Amino acid sequence: MFSQQKISDAENILFEKINNDELIYLKIAIDFYSRINKLSDAELWYRGQKGG
């Protein structure tokens, strides 16, 4: 699903795009962080160790 590197890459893209005045990027960011927030610290750590 998510790896630490992919989460970081996706977050960087969001920050680049969210400066755009299009509301769709804000909706995407809300969905992205909602999904990440559902992962436990242990899951995030594990995914970071395994690379995905």
PDB file of N, CA and C in Angstrom:
ATOM      1  N   MET A   1       0.832  -1.186   0.000  1.00  0.00           N
ATOM      2  CA  MET A   1       0.000   0.000   0.000  1.00  0.00           C
ATOM      3  C   MET A   1       0.876   1.250   0.000  1.00  0.00           C
ATOM      4  N   PHE A   2       1.277   1.698   1.177  1.00  0.00           N
ATOM      5  CA  PHE A   2       2.108   2.891   1.278  1.00  0.00           C
ATOM      6  C   PHE A   2       3.482   2.509   1.798  1.00  0.00           C
ATOM      7  N   SER A   3       4.499   3.144   1.315  1.00  0.00           N
ATOM      8  CA  SER A   3       5.818   3.034   1.927  1.00  0.00           C
ATOM      9  C   SER A   3       6.196   4.429   2.403  1.00  0.00           C
ATOM     10  N   GLN A   4       7.136   4.500   3.324  1.00  0.00           N
ATOM     11  CA  GLN A   4       7.558   5.798   3.846  1.00  0.00           C
ATOM     12  C   GLN A   4       8.012   6.707   2.706  1.00  0.00           C
ATOM     13  N   GLN A   5       8.814   6.179   1.793  1.00  0.00           N
ATOM     14  CA  GLN A   5       9.323   7.007   0.708  1.00  0.00           C
ATOM     15  C   GLN A   5       8.196   7.462  -0.206  1.00  0.00           C
ATOM     16  N   LYS A   6       7.268   6.566  -0.497  1.00  0.00           N
ATOM     17  CA  LYS A   6       6.163   6.947  -1.367  1.00  0.00           C
ATOM     18  C   LYS A   6       5.251   7.964  -0.688  1.00  0.00           C
ATOM     19  N   ILE A   7       5.070   7.843   0.627  1.00  0.00           N
ATOM     20  CA  ILE A   7       4.278   8.819   1.364  1.00  0.00           C
ATOM     21  C   ILE A   7       4.952  10.185   1.272  1.00  0.00           C
ATOM     22  N   SER A   8       6.245  10.204   1.476  1.00  0.00           N
ATOM     23  CA  SER A   8       6.999  11.453   1.411  1.00  0.00           C
ATOM     24  C   SER A   8       6.934  12.059   0.009  1.00  0.00           C
ATOM     25  N   ASP A   9       7.100  11.224  -1.008  1.00  0.00           N
ATOM     26  CA  ASP A   9       7.027  11.702  -2.393  1.00  0.00           C
ATOM     27  C   ASP A   9       5.646  12.265  -2.710  1.00  0.00           C
ATOM     28  N   ALA A  10       4.620  11.547  -2.288  1.00  0.00           N
ATOM     29  CA  ALA A  10       3.250  12.000  -2.536  1.00  0.00           C
ATOM     30  C   ALA A  10       2.971  13.314  -1.813  1.00  0.00           C
ATOM     31  N   GLU A  11       3.469  13.425  -0.606  1.00  0.00           N
ATOM     32  CA  GLU A  11       3.274  14.658   0.161  1.00  0.00           C
ATOM     33  C   GLU A  11       3.966  15.841  -0.531  1.00  0.00           C
ATOM     34  N   ASN A  12       5.150  15.606  -1.051  1.00  0.00           N
ATOM     35  CA  ASN A  12       5.857  16.670  -1.778  1.00  0.00           C
ATOM     36  C   ASN A  12       5.074  17.129  -2.998  1.00  0.00           C
ATOM     37  N   ILE A  13       4.510  16.189  -3.720  1.00  0.00           N
ATOM     38  CA  ILE A  13       3.701  16.538  -4.896  1.00  0.00           C
ATOM     39  C   ILE A  13       2.471  17.343  -4.470  1.00  0.00           C
ATOM     40  N   LEU A  14       1.835  16.913  -3.385  1.00  0.00           N
ATOM     41  CA  LEU A  14       0.670  17.646  -2.891  1.00  0.00           C
ATOM     42  C   LEU A  14       1.027  19.091  -2.555  1.00  0.00           C
ATOM     43  N   PHE A  15       2.153  19.282  -1.861  1.00  0.00           N
ATOM     44  CA  PHE A  15       2.558  20.634  -1.493  1.00  0.00           C
ATOM     45  C   PHE A  15       2.841  21.487  -2.730  1.00  0.00           C
ATOM     46  N   GLU A  16       3.387  20.885  -3.763  1.00  0.00           N
ATOM     47  CA  GLU A  16       3.630  21.615  -5.006  1.00  0.00           C
ATOM     48  C   GLU A  16       2.319  22.025  -5.668  1.00  0.00           C
ATOM     49  N   LYS A  17       1.370  21.103  -5.692  1.00  0.00           N
ATOM     50  CA  LYS A  17       0.117  21.332  -6.405  1.00  0.00           C
ATOM     51  C   LYS A  17      -0.882  22.171  -5.608  1.00  0.00           C
ATOM     52  N   ILE A  18      -0.834  22.075  -4.284  1.00  0.00           N
ATOM     53  CA  ILE A  18      -1.846  22.737  -3.473  1.00  0.00           C
ATOM     54  C   ILE A  18      -1.716  24.260  -3.554  1.00  0.00           C
ATOM     55  N   ASN A  19      -0.552  24.746  -3.971  1.00  0.00           N
ATOM     56  CA  ASN A  19      -0.392  26.187  -4.158  1.00  0.00           C
ATOM     57  C   ASN A  19      -1.218  26.680  -5.336  1.00  0.00           C
ATOM     58  N   ASN A  20      -1.601  25.750  -6.167  1.00  0.00           N
ATOM     59  CA  ASN A  20      -2.493  26.035  -7.275  1.00  0.00           C
ATOM     60  C   ASN A  20      -3.864  26.374  -6.682  1.00  0.00           C
ATOM     61  N   ASP A  21      -4.631  27.215  -7.282  1.00  0.00           N
ATOM     62  CA  ASP A  21      -5.921  27.628  -6.726  1.00  0.00           C
ATOM     63  C   ASP A  21      -7.057  26.657  -7.032  1.00  0.00           C
ATOM     64  N   GLU A  22      -6.728  25.461  -7.463  1.00  0.00           N
ATOM     65  CA  GLU A  22      -7.760  24.490  -7.787  1.00  0.00           C
ATOM     66  C   GLU A  22      -8.169  23.712  -6.546  1.00  0.00           C
ATOM     67  N   LEU A  23      -9.450  23.675  -6.279  1.00  0.00           N
ATOM     68  CA  LEU A  23     -10.003  23.024  -5.100  1.00  0.00           C
ATOM     69  C   LEU A  23      -9.767  21.515  -5.094  1.00  0.00           C
ATOM     70  N   ILE A  24      -9.622  20.912  -6.254  1.00  0.00           N
ATOM     71  CA  ILE A  24      -9.452  19.461  -6.332  1.00  0.00           C
ATOM     72  C   ILE A  24      -8.222  19.002  -5.560  1.00  0.00           C
ATOM     73  N   TYR A  25      -7.158  19.802  -5.558  1.00  0.00           N
ATOM     74  CA  TYR A  25      -5.945  19.404  -4.841  1.00  0.00           C
ATOM     75  C   TYR A  25      -6.152  19.407  -3.338  1.00  0.00           C
ATOM     76  N   LEU A  26      -6.975  20.301  -2.857  1.00  0.00           N
ATOM     77  CA  LEU A  26      -7.311  20.306  -1.429  1.00  0.00           C
ATOM     78  C   LEU A  26      -8.113  19.051  -1.077  1.00  0.00           C
ATOM     79  N   LYS A  27      -9.040  18.676  -1.926  1.00  0.00           N
ATOM     80  CA  LYS A  27      -9.825  17.456  -1.705  1.00  0.00           C
ATOM     81  C   LYS A  27      -8.922  16.215  -1.719  1.00  0.00           C
ATOM     82  N   ILE A  28      -7.978  16.187  -2.630  1.00  0.00           N
ATOM     83  CA  ILE A  28      -7.037  15.067  -2.700  1.00  0.00           C
ATOM     84  C   ILE A  28      -6.185  15.022  -1.438  1.00  0.00           C
ATOM     85  N   ALA A  29      -5.720  16.173  -0.979  1.00  0.00           N
ATOM     86  CA  ALA A  29      -4.897  16.229   0.240  1.00  0.00           C
ATOM     87  C   ALA A  29      -5.679  15.728   1.451  1.00  0.00           C
ATOM     88  N   ILE A  30      -6.931  16.117   1.564  1.00  0.00           N
ATOM     89  CA  ILE A  30      -7.766  15.655   2.682  1.00  0.00           C
ATOM     90  C   ILE A  30      -7.906  14.140   2.643  1.00  0.00           C
ATOM     91  N   ASP A  31      -8.149  13.582   1.467  1.00  0.00           N
ATOM     92  CA  ASP A  31      -8.265  12.129   1.326  1.00  0.00           C
ATOM     93  C   ASP A  31      -6.942  11.441   1.651  1.00  0.00           C
ATOM     94  N   PHE A  32      -5.851  11.982   1.150  1.00  0.00           N
ATOM     95  CA  PHE A  32      -4.516  11.417   1.379  1.00  0.00           C
ATOM     96  C   PHE A  32      -4.220  11.352   2.875  1.00  0.00           C
ATOM     97  N   TYR A  33      -4.371  12.476   3.577  1.00  0.00           N
ATOM     98  CA  TYR A  33      -4.052  12.492   5.001  1.00  0.00           C
ATOM     99  C   TYR A  33      -5.037  11.671   5.825  1.00  0.00           C
ATOM    100  N   SER A  34      -6.261  11.569   5.365  1.00  0.00           N
ATOM    101  CA  SER A  34      -7.233  10.719   6.047  1.00  0.00           C
ATOM    102  C   SER A  34      -6.792   9.257   5.990  1.00  0.00           C
ATOM    103  N   ARG A  35      -6.312   8.824   4.836  1.00  0.00           N
ATOM    104  CA  ARG A  35      -5.834   7.438   4.682  1.00  0.00           C
ATOM    105  C   ARG A  35      -4.571   7.182   5.507  1.00  0.00           C
ATOM    106  N   ILE A  36      -3.639   8.124   5.481  1.00  0.00           N
ATOM    107  CA  ILE A  36      -2.397   7.982   6.247  1.00  0.00           C
ATOM    108  C   ILE A  36      -2.707   7.954   7.738  1.00  0.00           C
ATOM    109  N   ASN A  37      -3.646   8.769   8.154  1.00  0.00           N
ATOM    110  CA  ASN A  37      -4.003   8.858   9.565  1.00  0.00           C
ATOM    111  C   ASN A  37      -4.573   7.543  10.101  1.00  0.00           C
ATOM    112  N   LYS A  38      -5.124   6.721   9.242  1.00  0.00           N
ATOM    113  CA  LYS A  38      -5.691   5.436   9.662  1.00  0.00           C
ATOM    114  C   LYS A  38      -4.614   4.392   9.957  1.00  0.00           C
ATOM    115  N   LEU A  39      -3.385   4.629   9.476  1.00  0.00           N
ATOM    116  CA  LEU A  39      -2.298   3.702   9.729  1.00  0.00           C
ATOM    117  C   LEU A  39      -1.734   3.945  11.128  1.00  0.00           C
ATOM    118  N   SER A  40      -1.450   2.877  11.829  1.00  0.00           N
ATOM    119  CA  SER A  40      -0.844   3.019  13.156  1.00  0.00           C
ATOM    120  C   SER A  40       0.635   3.377  13.001  1.00  0.00           C
ATOM    121  N   ASP A  41       1.225   3.858  14.079  1.00  0.00           N
ATOM    122  CA  ASP A  41       2.657   4.145  14.066  1.00  0.00           C
ATOM    123  C   ASP A  41       3.447   2.888  13.718  1.00  0.00           C
ATOM    124  N   ALA A  42       3.007   1.756  14.254  1.00  0.00           N
ATOM    125  CA  ALA A  42       3.689   0.494  13.981  1.00  0.00           C
ATOM    126  C   ALA A  42       3.617   0.151  12.491  1.00  0.00           C
ATOM    127  N   GLU A  43       2.453   0.358  11.871  1.00  0.00           N
ATOM    128  CA  GLU A  43       2.318   0.085  10.440  1.00  0.00           C
ATOM    129  C   GLU A  43       3.221   1.002   9.622  1.00  0.00           C
ATOM    130  N   LEU A  44       3.256   2.271   9.981  1.00  0.00           N
ATOM    131  CA  LEU A  44       4.118   3.212   9.266  1.00  0.00           C
ATOM    132  C   LEU A  44       5.586   2.835   9.423  1.00  0.00           C
ATOM    133  N   TRP A  45       5.976   2.458  10.638  1.00  0.00           N
ATOM    134  CA  TRP A  45       7.355   2.052  10.886  1.00  0.00           C
ATOM    135  C   TRP A  45       7.695   0.812  10.065  1.00  0.00           C
ATOM    136  N   TYR A  46       6.811  -0.179  10.094  1.00  0.00           N
ATOM    137  CA  TYR A  46       7.042  -1.427   9.362  1.00  0.00           C
ATOM    138  C   TYR A  46       7.186  -1.160   7.867  1.00  0.00           C
ATOM    139  N   ARG A  47       6.316  -0.352   7.345  1.00  0.00           N
ATOM    140  CA  ARG A  47       6.367  -0.050   5.916  1.00  0.00           C
ATOM    141  C   ARG A  47       7.657   0.690   5.571  1.00  0.00           C
ATOM    142  N   GLY A  48       8.104   1.544   6.477  1.00  0.00           N
ATOM    143  CA  GLY A  48       9.364   2.244   6.270  1.00  0.00           C
ATOM    144  C   GLY A  48      10.548   1.300   6.278  1.00  0.00           C
ATOM    145  N   GLN A  49      10.507   0.258   7.131  1.00  0.00           N
ATOM    146  CA  GLN A  49      11.591  -0.717   7.209  1.00  0.00           C
ATOM    147  C   GLN A  49      11.596  -1.638   5.996  1.00  0.00           C
ATOM    148  N   LYS A  50      10.417  -1.993   5.522  1.00  0.00           N
ATOM    149  CA  LYS A  50      10.288  -2.929   4.394  1.00  0.00           C
ATOM    150  C   LYS A  50      10.324  -2.217   3.052  1.00  0.00           C
ATOM    151  N   GLY A  51      10.171  -0.889   3.059  1.00  0.00           N
ATOM    152  CA  GLY A  51      10.168  -0.150   1.799  1.00  0.00           C
ATOM    153  C   GLY A  51       8.872  -0.277   1.037  1.00  0.00           C
ATOM    154  N   GLY A  52       7.824  -0.682   1.684  1.00  0.00           N
ATOM    155  CA  GLY A  52       6.557  -0.762   0.988  1.00  0.00           C
ATOM    156  C   GLY A  52       5.694  -1.740   1.541  1.00  0.00           C
TER     157      GLY A  52
END
